Protein backbone atom coordinates (compact mmCIF):
# COMPACT_ATOMS: atom_id res chain seq x y z
CA MET A 1 0.23 -24.72 -14.44
CA SER A 2 -1.43 -25.54 -17.76
CA GLN A 3 0.79 -26.50 -20.70
CA ASP A 4 -0.22 -23.52 -22.81
CA LYS A 5 0.98 -21.14 -20.08
CA GLN A 6 4.39 -22.80 -20.14
CA ASP A 7 4.81 -22.40 -23.91
CA LEU A 8 6.53 -19.15 -24.88
CA ARG A 9 4.80 -19.15 -28.25
CA HIS A 10 1.43 -20.61 -27.35
CA HIS A 11 -0.27 -17.89 -29.38
CA SER A 12 1.33 -19.15 -32.57
CA LYS A 13 -0.51 -22.41 -31.89
CA ALA A 14 -3.65 -20.80 -30.52
CA PHE A 15 -4.10 -18.78 -33.69
CA ASP A 16 -3.31 -21.60 -36.13
CA GLY A 17 -6.11 -23.31 -37.99
CA VAL A 18 -9.34 -22.42 -39.71
CA MET A 19 -11.32 -22.08 -36.47
CA ARG A 20 -9.04 -19.25 -35.34
CA ALA A 21 -9.54 -17.11 -38.43
CA PRO A 22 -12.06 -14.79 -36.68
CA ASN A 23 -9.59 -14.21 -33.83
CA ARG A 24 -6.85 -13.33 -36.27
CA ALA A 25 -9.19 -11.09 -38.27
CA MET A 26 -9.96 -8.96 -35.23
CA LEU A 27 -6.30 -8.70 -34.29
CA ARG A 28 -5.38 -7.70 -37.83
CA ALA A 29 -7.74 -4.76 -37.34
CA VAL A 30 -5.54 -3.50 -34.48
CA GLY A 31 -2.40 -3.83 -36.59
CA LEU A 32 -1.08 -7.39 -36.30
CA THR A 33 0.59 -9.13 -39.23
CA ASP A 34 1.31 -12.78 -40.06
CA ASP A 35 4.71 -12.51 -38.35
CA ASP A 36 3.10 -11.13 -35.20
CA PHE A 37 1.03 -14.27 -34.74
CA LYS A 38 4.30 -16.14 -34.20
CA LYS A 39 5.29 -13.89 -31.29
CA PRO A 40 4.18 -13.88 -27.66
CA MET A 41 1.58 -11.26 -26.79
CA ILE A 42 2.39 -9.12 -23.78
CA GLY A 43 0.01 -6.79 -22.00
CA ILE A 44 0.90 -3.42 -20.54
CA ALA A 45 -1.60 -2.77 -17.72
CA SER A 46 -1.75 1.00 -17.35
CA THR A 47 -3.38 2.93 -14.52
CA TRP A 48 -3.18 6.23 -16.44
CA SER A 49 -5.79 8.77 -15.43
CA GLU A 50 -6.26 12.50 -15.18
CA VAL A 51 -8.05 12.30 -11.81
CA THR A 52 -4.83 12.35 -9.79
CA PRO A 53 -1.26 13.64 -10.16
CA CYS A 54 -0.07 10.18 -9.05
CA ASN A 55 -1.14 8.72 -12.39
CA MET A 56 -1.40 11.57 -14.87
CA HIS A 57 1.96 10.72 -16.50
CA ILE A 58 1.56 6.94 -16.71
CA ASN A 59 0.35 6.87 -20.32
CA ASP A 60 3.83 7.97 -21.43
CA LEU A 61 5.37 5.30 -19.20
CA ALA A 62 3.13 2.63 -20.68
CA LEU A 63 4.28 3.59 -24.16
CA ARG A 64 7.91 3.10 -23.09
CA ALA A 65 7.13 -0.32 -21.64
CA LYS A 66 5.44 -1.16 -24.93
CA ASP A 67 8.61 -0.12 -26.80
CA GLY A 68 10.71 -2.38 -24.58
CA ALA A 69 8.47 -5.39 -25.08
CA ARG A 70 8.38 -4.87 -28.84
CA GLU A 71 12.16 -4.49 -28.99
CA ALA A 72 12.51 -7.78 -27.11
CA GLY A 73 10.43 -9.59 -29.73
CA ALA A 74 6.89 -9.52 -28.38
CA VAL A 75 3.63 -8.03 -29.59
CA PRO A 76 2.62 -5.57 -26.84
CA PHE A 77 -0.88 -4.26 -26.07
CA ILE A 78 -1.69 -1.41 -23.69
CA PHE A 79 -4.90 -1.72 -21.74
CA ASN A 80 -6.18 0.43 -18.88
CA THR A 81 -7.73 0.03 -15.48
CA ILE A 82 -9.06 2.52 -12.96
CA THR A 83 -7.50 4.54 -10.20
CA VAL A 84 -8.90 6.82 -7.52
CA SER A 85 -7.07 9.53 -5.62
CA ASP A 86 -6.83 8.88 -1.91
CA GLY A 87 -5.68 12.44 -1.25
CA ILE A 88 -8.60 13.99 -3.09
CA SER A 89 -11.21 11.66 -1.57
CA MET A 90 -9.79 11.97 1.98
CA GLY A 91 -12.31 13.22 4.52
CA THR A 92 -15.25 12.70 2.15
CA ASN A 93 -17.60 9.81 1.43
CA GLY A 94 -15.41 9.14 -1.60
CA MET A 95 -12.78 7.62 0.70
CA LYS A 96 -15.09 4.61 1.11
CA TYR A 97 -14.19 3.65 -2.46
CA SER A 98 -10.44 3.71 -1.92
CA LEU A 99 -9.77 0.22 -0.56
CA PRO A 100 -12.45 -1.43 -2.76
CA SER A 101 -10.65 0.09 -5.74
CA ARG A 102 -7.74 -2.25 -4.95
CA ASP A 103 -9.99 -5.20 -5.79
CA VAL A 104 -11.52 -3.51 -8.83
CA ILE A 105 -8.01 -2.92 -10.20
CA ALA A 106 -6.95 -6.50 -9.48
CA ASP A 107 -10.08 -8.04 -10.97
CA SER A 108 -10.03 -5.87 -14.08
CA ILE A 109 -6.38 -6.62 -14.91
CA GLU A 110 -6.87 -10.36 -14.32
CA THR A 111 -9.98 -10.23 -16.53
CA VAL A 112 -8.16 -8.69 -19.49
CA VAL A 113 -5.11 -10.94 -19.17
CA GLY A 114 -7.32 -14.03 -18.97
CA ALA A 115 -9.85 -13.06 -21.61
CA GLU A 116 -7.24 -12.01 -24.16
CA ASN A 117 -4.98 -15.00 -23.44
CA LEU A 118 -1.98 -12.74 -22.90
CA ASP A 119 1.29 -14.56 -22.40
CA ALA A 120 2.72 -12.10 -19.85
CA PHE A 121 2.26 -8.53 -18.72
CA VAL A 122 3.79 -5.46 -17.13
CA ALA A 123 1.67 -3.53 -14.63
CA ILE A 124 2.36 0.17 -13.99
CA GLY A 125 0.82 1.87 -10.97
CA GLY A 126 0.89 5.21 -9.20
CA CYS A 127 -1.59 5.94 -6.41
CA ASP A 128 -1.78 3.84 -3.24
CA LYS A 129 -4.18 1.05 -4.22
CA ASN A 130 -2.56 0.57 -7.64
CA MET A 131 0.36 -1.32 -6.15
CA PRO A 132 -1.48 -4.06 -4.24
CA GLY A 133 -4.18 -4.15 -6.91
CA CYS A 134 -1.62 -4.87 -9.61
CA MET A 135 0.16 -7.42 -7.43
CA ILE A 136 -3.04 -9.31 -6.62
CA ALA A 137 -3.73 -9.43 -10.36
CA ILE A 138 -0.20 -10.72 -11.01
CA ALA A 139 -0.73 -13.46 -8.43
CA ASN A 140 -4.12 -14.51 -9.79
CA SER A 141 -3.27 -14.30 -13.51
CA GLU A 142 -0.54 -16.96 -13.30
CA VAL A 143 1.54 -15.69 -16.21
CA PRO A 144 5.02 -14.11 -16.10
CA ALA A 145 4.65 -10.51 -14.95
CA LEU A 146 6.33 -7.67 -13.12
CA PHE A 147 5.40 -4.33 -11.62
CA VAL A 148 6.73 -0.83 -12.33
CA TYR A 149 6.08 2.06 -9.96
CA GLY A 150 5.06 5.31 -11.61
CA GLY A 151 7.29 7.15 -9.17
CA THR A 152 7.17 9.66 -6.35
CA ILE A 153 6.33 13.32 -6.69
CA SER A 154 9.09 15.84 -6.02
CA PRO A 155 8.62 17.84 -2.81
CA GLY A 156 6.88 21.17 -2.89
CA LYS A 157 8.83 24.21 -1.73
CA LEU A 158 7.64 27.00 0.54
CA ASP A 159 9.90 29.53 2.23
CA GLY A 160 12.90 27.28 1.66
CA GLU A 161 11.27 24.24 3.26
CA ASP A 162 10.02 20.99 1.70
CA ILE A 163 6.27 20.51 1.99
CA ASP A 164 3.79 17.95 0.69
CA LEU A 165 0.11 17.02 0.78
CA VAL A 166 0.25 16.11 4.46
CA SER A 167 1.45 19.66 5.14
CA VAL A 168 -1.92 20.86 3.86
CA PHE A 169 -3.93 18.55 6.11
CA GLU A 170 -1.88 19.59 9.13
CA GLY A 171 -2.22 23.20 8.03
CA VAL A 172 -5.99 22.89 8.43
CA GLY A 173 -5.45 21.96 12.10
CA LYS A 174 -3.04 24.84 12.61
CA HIS A 175 -5.51 27.22 10.95
CA ASN A 176 -8.34 25.98 13.17
CA ASN A 177 -6.09 26.48 16.18
CA GLY A 178 -5.39 30.07 15.13
CA ASP A 179 -1.71 29.40 14.50
CA ILE A 180 -1.64 30.35 10.80
CA SER A 181 -3.65 32.77 8.67
CA ASP A 182 -5.97 32.17 5.72
CA GLU A 183 -3.23 33.46 3.45
CA GLN A 184 -0.59 31.08 4.83
CA LEU A 185 -2.92 28.07 4.48
CA LYS A 186 -3.56 29.09 0.87
CA ARG A 187 0.19 29.35 0.24
CA ILE A 188 0.70 25.82 1.61
CA GLU A 189 -2.15 24.53 -0.56
CA CYS A 190 -0.77 26.12 -3.73
CA ASN A 191 2.79 24.88 -3.30
CA ALA A 192 2.40 21.38 -1.85
CA CYS A 193 2.07 19.35 -5.06
CA PRO A 194 4.33 20.62 -7.86
CA GLY A 195 3.74 17.96 -10.54
CA ALA A 196 3.24 14.30 -11.37
CA GLY A 197 3.88 11.46 -8.99
CA SER A 198 2.66 9.85 -5.79
CA CYS A 199 2.86 11.53 -2.37
CA GLY A 200 6.51 12.09 -1.52
CA GLY A 201 7.09 10.76 2.00
CA MET A 202 7.29 7.15 3.12
CA TYR A 203 3.52 7.01 2.72
CA THR A 204 1.53 4.10 1.30
CA ALA A 205 2.54 4.42 -2.38
CA ASN A 206 6.27 4.65 -1.70
CA THR A 207 5.97 2.00 1.02
CA MET A 208 4.30 -0.53 -1.26
CA ALA A 209 6.63 0.25 -4.19
CA SER A 210 9.60 -0.40 -1.90
CA ALA A 211 8.02 -3.60 -0.57
CA ILE A 212 7.38 -4.92 -4.08
CA GLU A 213 10.97 -4.24 -5.12
CA ALA A 214 12.22 -5.95 -1.96
CA MET A 215 9.96 -8.89 -2.81
CA GLY A 216 11.73 -9.19 -6.15
CA MET A 217 8.74 -8.26 -8.31
CA SER A 218 10.15 -4.96 -9.63
CA LEU A 219 13.45 -4.18 -11.28
CA PRO A 220 16.07 -2.52 -9.04
CA TYR A 221 15.47 1.23 -8.52
CA SER A 222 11.85 1.02 -9.74
CA SER A 223 10.62 2.21 -6.35
CA SER A 224 13.21 4.98 -6.03
CA HIS A 225 13.24 6.97 -9.29
CA PRO A 226 10.87 9.97 -9.09
CA ALA A 227 8.00 10.23 -11.54
CA GLU A 228 9.42 13.06 -13.66
CA TRP A 229 13.01 11.85 -13.83
CA PRO A 230 14.10 10.45 -17.21
CA GLU A 231 15.22 7.28 -15.41
CA LYS A 232 11.56 6.46 -14.78
CA LYS A 233 10.91 6.02 -18.50
CA ASP A 234 14.01 3.82 -18.65
CA ASP A 235 12.52 1.70 -15.83
CA CYS A 236 9.46 1.07 -17.98
CA TYR A 237 11.41 0.30 -21.17
CA ASP A 238 13.57 -2.14 -19.25
CA ALA A 239 10.49 -3.75 -17.71
CA GLY A 240 9.04 -4.40 -21.16
CA LYS A 241 12.21 -6.24 -22.09
CA ALA A 242 12.49 -8.02 -18.75
CA VAL A 243 9.03 -9.54 -18.88
CA TYR A 244 9.94 -11.16 -22.20
CA THR A 245 12.98 -12.69 -20.51
CA LEU A 246 10.75 -14.03 -17.73
CA LEU A 247 8.62 -15.66 -20.40
CA GLU A 248 11.67 -17.17 -22.10
CA LYS A 249 12.99 -18.56 -18.83
CA GLY A 250 9.61 -19.77 -17.62
CA ILE A 251 9.76 -17.72 -14.41
CA TYR A 252 6.32 -17.21 -12.86
CA PRO A 253 5.16 -15.02 -9.98
CA LYS A 254 4.83 -18.05 -7.69
CA ASP A 255 8.56 -18.71 -8.23
CA ILE A 256 9.42 -15.26 -6.86
CA MET A 257 6.67 -14.48 -4.34
CA THR A 258 7.65 -16.99 -1.65
CA LYS A 259 7.30 -16.69 2.13
CA GLU A 260 10.94 -15.57 2.30
CA ALA A 261 10.25 -12.89 -0.32
CA PHE A 262 7.40 -11.53 1.81
CA GLU A 263 9.73 -11.52 4.80
CA ASN A 264 12.17 -9.42 2.75
CA ALA A 265 9.35 -7.02 1.92
CA ILE A 266 8.33 -6.66 5.57
CA THR A 267 11.96 -6.14 6.58
CA VAL A 268 12.41 -3.26 4.14
CA VAL A 269 9.09 -1.71 5.20
CA MET A 270 10.19 -1.81 8.86
CA ALA A 271 13.63 -0.35 8.08
CA LEU A 272 12.11 2.48 6.05
CA GLY A 273 9.31 3.22 8.52
CA GLY A 274 6.55 2.45 6.06
CA SER A 275 2.79 2.82 6.17
CA THR A 276 0.45 0.76 8.35
CA ASN A 277 -1.36 -0.07 5.12
CA ALA A 278 1.57 -2.33 4.19
CA ILE A 279 0.28 -4.91 6.67
CA LEU A 280 -3.17 -4.94 5.08
CA HIS A 281 -1.82 -5.09 1.52
CA LEU A 282 0.94 -7.64 2.03
CA LEU A 283 -1.58 -9.96 3.70
CA SER A 284 -3.87 -9.61 0.69
CA ILE A 285 -1.10 -10.26 -1.85
CA ALA A 286 0.10 -13.29 0.12
CA HIS A 287 -3.44 -14.64 0.15
CA ALA A 288 -3.63 -14.25 -3.65
CA ILE A 289 -0.37 -16.15 -4.24
CA ASP A 290 -1.21 -18.80 -1.58
CA VAL A 291 1.60 -17.90 0.81
CA ASP A 292 0.81 -18.54 4.48
CA LEU A 293 1.47 -15.07 5.87
CA THR A 294 -0.37 -13.97 9.02
CA ILE A 295 -0.66 -10.73 10.95
CA ASP A 296 1.53 -12.25 13.69
CA ASP A 297 4.46 -12.58 11.25
CA PHE A 298 4.81 -8.79 11.26
CA ASN A 299 5.56 -8.64 14.99
CA ILE A 300 8.18 -11.37 14.63
CA ILE A 301 10.09 -9.30 12.06
CA GLN A 302 9.33 -6.00 13.83
CA ALA A 303 11.12 -7.23 16.95
CA LYS A 304 14.45 -7.71 15.17
CA VAL A 305 14.62 -5.12 12.35
CA PRO A 306 15.73 -1.56 13.22
CA HIS A 307 14.02 1.53 11.89
CA LEU A 308 16.68 3.40 9.91
CA ALA A 309 15.01 5.98 7.64
CA ASP A 310 14.49 9.61 8.63
CA LEU A 311 11.59 9.96 6.20
CA LYS A 312 8.27 11.78 6.42
CA PRO A 313 5.72 11.67 7.99
CA SER A 314 7.66 11.25 11.25
CA GLY A 315 11.04 12.25 9.81
CA LYS A 316 12.57 15.02 7.73
CA TYR A 317 13.20 13.67 4.23
CA VAL A 318 11.19 12.44 1.23
CA MET A 319 11.60 9.63 -1.30
CA GLU A 320 13.49 11.82 -3.77
CA ASP A 321 16.07 12.46 -1.07
CA LEU A 322 16.45 8.70 -0.57
CA CYS A 323 16.93 8.26 -4.31
CA ASN A 324 19.67 10.89 -4.30
CA VAL A 325 21.70 8.96 -1.71
CA GLY A 326 21.38 5.50 -3.25
CA GLY A 327 17.71 4.53 -3.21
CA VAL A 328 16.05 1.35 -2.02
CA PRO A 329 18.76 -0.93 -3.51
CA ALA A 330 21.43 0.74 -1.35
CA VAL A 331 19.25 0.25 1.74
CA MET A 332 18.69 -3.38 0.77
CA LYS A 333 22.45 -3.86 0.34
CA LEU A 334 22.99 -2.52 3.86
CA LEU A 335 20.33 -4.87 5.24
CA LEU A 336 21.60 -7.87 3.28
CA GLU A 337 25.17 -7.47 4.49
CA ALA A 338 23.88 -7.20 8.06
CA GLY A 339 21.98 -10.47 7.69
CA TYR A 340 18.43 -9.10 7.63
CA LEU A 341 17.45 -10.25 4.10
CA HIS A 342 17.15 -13.62 2.36
CA GLY A 343 19.70 -13.09 -0.39
CA ASP A 344 18.85 -16.28 -2.28
CA CYS A 345 15.33 -15.19 -3.25
CA LEU A 346 14.69 -15.09 -7.00
CA THR A 347 13.68 -11.79 -8.65
CA VAL A 348 12.24 -10.55 -11.94
CA THR A 349 15.77 -9.97 -13.25
CA GLY A 350 16.16 -13.76 -13.31
CA LYS A 351 18.83 -13.33 -10.64
CA THR A 352 18.69 -13.49 -6.86
CA ILE A 353 18.49 -10.56 -4.47
CA ALA A 354 22.15 -11.05 -3.59
CA GLU A 355 23.19 -11.11 -7.25
CA ASN A 356 21.21 -7.95 -7.99
CA LEU A 357 22.81 -6.10 -5.09
CA GLU A 358 26.37 -7.23 -5.70
CA ASP A 359 27.31 -4.25 -7.87
CA VAL A 360 24.91 -1.72 -6.30
CA PRO A 361 26.78 1.27 -4.83
CA TYR A 362 26.64 1.79 -1.10
CA LEU A 363 24.68 4.68 0.41
CA THR A 364 26.38 8.02 -0.28
CA GLU A 365 29.03 8.79 2.31
CA GLY A 366 27.86 11.39 4.79
CA GLN A 367 24.19 11.09 3.84
CA LYS A 368 21.59 11.70 6.59
CA VAL A 369 18.48 10.01 5.18
CA ILE A 370 19.35 6.51 6.42
CA MET A 371 20.75 6.11 9.91
CA PRO A 372 23.68 3.72 10.51
CA LEU A 373 22.80 0.30 11.90
CA ASP A 374 24.51 1.09 15.21
CA LYS A 375 22.56 4.35 15.61
CA PRO A 376 19.03 3.60 14.34
CA LYS A 377 15.98 5.78 14.89
CA ARG A 378 14.54 2.78 16.75
CA GLU A 379 16.20 -0.50 17.61
CA ASP A 380 13.10 -2.33 16.40
CA GLY A 381 10.53 -1.69 13.69
CA PRO A 382 7.92 1.07 13.92
CA LEU A 383 4.88 -0.97 12.76
CA ILE A 384 3.36 -2.87 15.68
CA VAL A 385 0.44 -5.28 15.90
CA LEU A 386 -1.44 -4.82 19.19
CA LYS A 387 -3.79 -7.36 20.71
CA GLY A 388 -6.05 -7.48 23.76
CA ASN A 389 -9.69 -7.53 24.77
CA LEU A 390 -10.39 -4.51 22.56
CA ALA A 391 -8.79 -6.10 19.47
CA PRO A 392 -8.62 -9.91 19.83
CA GLU A 393 -7.67 -10.33 16.14
CA GLY A 394 -5.24 -7.44 16.19
CA ALA A 395 -4.85 -3.72 15.60
CA VAL A 396 -2.02 -1.79 13.94
CA ALA A 397 -0.01 1.13 15.24
CA LYS A 398 2.83 3.11 13.71
CA VAL A 399 5.05 4.35 16.51
CA SER A 400 7.86 6.05 14.58
CA GLY A 401 8.52 9.42 16.09
CA VAL A 402 5.98 8.83 18.89
CA LYS A 403 7.52 9.36 22.32
CA VAL A 404 4.48 8.09 24.24
CA THR A 405 4.64 4.32 24.75
CA ARG A 406 1.61 3.99 27.04
CA HIS A 407 -1.62 5.98 27.07
CA THR A 408 -4.60 5.46 29.38
CA GLY A 409 -7.70 7.61 29.12
CA PRO A 410 -11.47 7.79 28.81
CA ALA A 411 -13.09 6.69 25.56
CA ARG A 412 -14.81 9.40 23.54
CA VAL A 413 -16.93 7.35 21.18
CA TYR A 414 -18.21 8.37 17.73
CA ASP A 415 -19.87 6.27 15.07
CA THR A 416 -18.77 8.47 12.15
CA GLU A 417 -15.64 10.37 11.18
CA ALA A 418 -17.69 13.51 10.54
CA GLU A 419 -19.01 13.59 14.12
CA ALA A 420 -15.53 13.01 15.55
CA THR A 421 -14.02 15.72 13.34
CA GLU A 422 -16.69 18.20 14.43
CA ALA A 423 -15.90 17.43 18.07
CA VAL A 424 -12.18 18.03 17.49
CA MET A 425 -12.76 21.27 15.58
CA ASN A 426 -15.09 22.47 18.35
CA ASN A 427 -12.40 21.77 20.98
CA GLU A 428 -14.54 19.12 22.68
CA ILE A 429 -11.70 16.56 22.76
CA ASN A 430 -9.24 17.07 25.61
CA GLU A 431 -5.69 16.00 26.41
CA GLY A 432 -5.67 12.43 27.67
CA ASP A 433 -8.82 11.38 25.80
CA VAL A 434 -9.06 8.25 23.66
CA LEU A 435 -10.97 9.31 20.56
CA VAL A 436 -12.79 6.33 19.02
CA ILE A 437 -14.21 6.24 15.49
CA ARG A 438 -16.06 3.00 14.76
CA TYR A 439 -18.34 1.41 12.15
CA VAL A 440 -15.77 2.40 9.52
CA GLY A 441 -14.17 -1.00 9.03
CA PRO A 442 -14.13 -3.05 5.80
CA LYS A 443 -17.80 -4.02 6.15
CA GLY A 444 -19.02 -1.13 8.27
CA GLY A 445 -17.58 1.76 6.28
CA PRO A 446 -18.09 0.15 3.95
CA GLY A 447 -14.61 0.22 2.50
CA MET A 448 -12.47 0.93 5.58
CA PRO A 449 -11.80 4.64 4.89
CA GLU A 450 -8.56 6.35 5.94
CA MET A 451 -8.54 8.92 8.73
CA LEU A 452 -5.76 11.25 7.60
CA SER A 453 -7.90 14.38 7.87
CA ILE A 454 -8.79 14.04 11.54
CA SER A 455 -5.37 12.69 12.57
CA ALA A 456 -3.64 15.58 10.78
CA ILE A 457 -5.99 18.08 12.43
CA LEU A 458 -5.08 16.64 15.83
CA VAL A 459 -1.38 17.05 14.99
CA GLY A 460 -2.00 20.58 13.75
CA LYS A 461 -3.77 21.45 17.00
CA GLY A 462 -0.86 20.11 19.06
CA LEU A 463 -2.75 17.00 20.22
CA GLY A 464 -0.92 14.40 18.11
CA GLU A 465 0.57 12.63 21.14
CA LYS A 466 -1.87 13.91 23.78
CA VAL A 467 -4.99 12.27 22.36
CA ALA A 468 -5.07 8.63 21.24
CA LEU A 469 -7.11 7.96 18.11
CA LEU A 470 -8.57 4.46 17.70
CA THR A 471 -10.57 3.13 14.78
CA ASP A 472 -11.62 0.00 12.93
CA GLY A 473 -10.88 2.02 9.80
CA ARG A 474 -7.43 2.81 8.39
CA PHE A 475 -4.90 5.57 8.42
CA SER A 476 -3.06 7.14 5.53
CA GLY A 477 0.63 6.46 5.17
CA GLY A 478 0.94 10.17 5.85
CA THR A 479 -0.57 9.82 9.31
CA HIS A 480 1.59 10.15 12.40
CA GLY A 481 0.86 10.57 16.07
CA LEU A 482 -0.76 8.31 18.66
CA VAL A 483 -3.05 6.44 16.28
CA ILE A 484 -4.23 2.81 16.19
CA GLY A 485 -6.20 1.42 13.28
CA HIS A 486 -7.41 -1.85 11.74
CA ILE A 487 -9.07 -2.83 15.05
CA ALA A 488 -10.45 -6.32 14.50
CA PRO A 489 -13.04 -7.69 14.72
CA GLU A 490 -14.66 -4.48 13.52
CA ALA A 491 -17.73 -2.86 15.05
CA GLN A 492 -20.03 -3.94 12.22
CA VAL A 493 -19.65 -7.62 13.15
CA GLY A 494 -19.95 -7.01 16.90
CA GLY A 495 -16.27 -6.69 17.74
CA PRO A 496 -15.40 -5.27 21.17
CA ILE A 497 -14.97 -1.79 19.71
CA ALA A 498 -18.74 -1.81 19.09
CA LEU A 499 -19.30 -2.43 22.80
CA LEU A 500 -17.29 0.56 24.04
CA GLN A 501 -19.21 3.19 25.97
CA GLU A 502 -18.40 6.82 26.62
CA GLY A 503 -15.96 7.04 29.50
CA ASP A 504 -14.69 3.45 29.43
CA VAL A 505 -10.99 3.52 30.33
CA VAL A 506 -8.79 2.36 27.45
CA THR A 507 -5.08 1.57 27.60
CA ILE A 508 -2.69 1.39 24.65
CA ASP A 509 0.78 0.05 25.41
CA SER A 510 3.22 -0.24 22.50
CA SER A 511 5.94 -1.81 24.63
CA THR A 512 3.75 -4.78 25.62
CA LYS A 513 1.82 -4.64 22.32
CA GLU A 514 -1.52 -4.53 24.10
CA ILE A 515 -4.78 -2.65 23.60
CA LEU A 516 -7.20 -3.08 26.50
CA VAL A 517 -10.45 -1.69 27.88
CA ASP A 518 -10.97 -1.77 31.63
CA VAL A 519 -14.28 -3.62 31.42
CA SER A 520 -14.82 -7.15 32.71
CA ASP A 521 -15.43 -10.07 30.36
CA GLU A 522 -18.83 -10.48 32.00
CA GLU A 523 -19.81 -6.89 31.30
CA LEU A 524 -18.60 -7.12 27.70
CA ALA A 525 -20.69 -10.28 27.30
CA ASN A 526 -23.75 -8.48 28.68
CA ARG A 527 -23.24 -5.64 26.23
CA LYS A 528 -22.75 -8.11 23.37
CA GLU A 529 -26.18 -9.66 24.07
CA LYS A 530 -27.78 -6.26 23.47
CA PHE A 531 -25.75 -5.49 20.33
CA VAL A 532 -27.68 -5.06 17.10
CA ALA A 533 -25.62 -4.63 13.93
CA PRO A 534 -26.56 -1.81 11.57
CA PRO A 535 -27.76 -3.04 8.16
CA LEU A 536 -24.99 -3.69 5.64
CA TYR A 537 -24.77 -1.38 2.65
CA LYS A 538 -26.53 -3.06 -0.27
CA LYS A 539 -25.96 -1.03 -3.44
CA GLY A 540 -23.37 -1.23 -6.19
CA VAL A 541 -19.68 -1.86 -5.72
CA LEU A 542 -19.73 -0.88 -2.03
CA GLY A 543 -22.58 -3.28 -1.41
CA LYS A 544 -20.74 -6.13 -3.09
CA TYR A 545 -17.67 -5.26 -1.08
CA ALA A 546 -19.45 -5.06 2.28
CA HIS A 547 -21.03 -8.50 1.82
CA ASN A 548 -17.84 -10.26 0.73
CA VAL A 549 -14.87 -8.61 2.45
CA THR A 550 -13.02 -10.27 5.33
CA SER A 551 -11.58 -8.81 8.49
CA ALA A 552 -8.62 -6.42 8.20
CA SER A 553 -6.60 -9.00 10.13
CA LYS A 554 -6.87 -11.23 7.07
CA GLY A 555 -6.04 -8.47 4.58
CA ALA A 556 -9.62 -7.34 3.83
CA VAL A 557 -9.83 -9.70 0.86
CA THR A 558 -13.00 -10.51 -1.06
CA ASP A 559 -12.21 -14.10 -2.04
CA TYR A 560 -11.31 -15.68 1.28
CA PHE A 561 -13.29 -18.78 0.27
CA LYS A 562 -10.22 -19.58 -1.85
CA ARG A 563 -8.11 -20.03 1.31
CA GLU A 564 -10.90 -21.83 3.21
CA GLU A 565 -11.23 -24.49 0.52
CA THR A 566 -7.51 -25.35 0.73
CA GLU A 567 -7.34 -25.57 4.52
């Protein structure tokens, strides 16, 4: 770490002298005074945008973080980065931009922090890719920083029941199946999303927010407080003050984001029944901070951590319900006392996990959101990495709520999501089939789009556990059913999924953690000789992404050369 990054007041030196007069002149234009040049300058990275309810309130949160940093003695600056809405882009070509947006967010925040010589920063995110994007930026910027989650949306209400965005996707399947009317589908649509905040179940946004808090990079309760609760503004004010303390104490992200901290994050994700995307994102964040985390580490933790949370999409409750019974800190306290967490890991409070949790109240007596340790939903974690001749580098399945542990059936192979969706809607996919969507991986998509639309339609048509859905693309955190994603190597680079033919018999076994096709190695080799890769996309941000991104098994990162040079 360079000396100027260790000096709390390096700006007072950086802006001294005649040669720095132009720098000071420009900063005077934005309101700085002589006294301000003696204070550290702290950025507030805001993902505010009107394109999604997940982020439409974050400007107000950024202002509160700015107040906290100023009160602590810093000079704060708000700057913005992009966001895209996964829910709005789902099922369209726009979904190809979702995962690449993670890297755009990370690169843009790092660029501002580096170019403006900011001493520290607070990052505030809402929609799914905001969280890992901000965390990758924190890792690469190498200044004191912490993350604040913009918060979950409150559940929608319809006929006395909680509903959410996933209810709409599944409603499309029910409508296609003739189970609900046009009017009922419209009612679901109009009541699913009542205000600001990220999707309410244990989907990707809430999963990653919980993981980041468990990692020690957010203040306690940051992941739990809903977007429109007054406590969320307090989270941001406190974060502005806390980042100044990190600067004073010389605590950097690398001091907090250790291998043990990532193990804590994975443990909490398993206990809560989080999104499959957590594997992809935690691998990418670990890569950025130079922690040796591999896809195999997830199975090691999965085997020993029970699934405790009865949360959507496979359960009954939403994140607001979890907050009402004690939130993520109460769950972490339960896990810590049972020996599942590393309590000595440092956090952004300047204290350890164990110290943070010491005075945290236990889960509310009689609550039903979190199962007791002796009566878990599953005795092991619900996120499983599968391997076999169809996915030598790995594939990811979420088995929470899925009663089927083994499925064998004929492959029904499609090279686009649109073709597969049309087949499902036309009732061409039958019970027992293995529906395959390929050439939608990180390079092939490009962008590794999510398949929530088609998976939700299958659930809506009553085929959620009767048809297996395989893809080298991803699934939304809202997906549930017999689905396997992240198949690696992907089809675009000639992975075995590219060699599948209609009718090949495929077996998925979650108990043995295998994914196999009943085709000999010799036959696969013969098919591989005839394989010709489609041309990579070559235009704009998707073209840059397609040519640089790694396999999903390595986190789909775009700077893997960084790791290669150190090995």
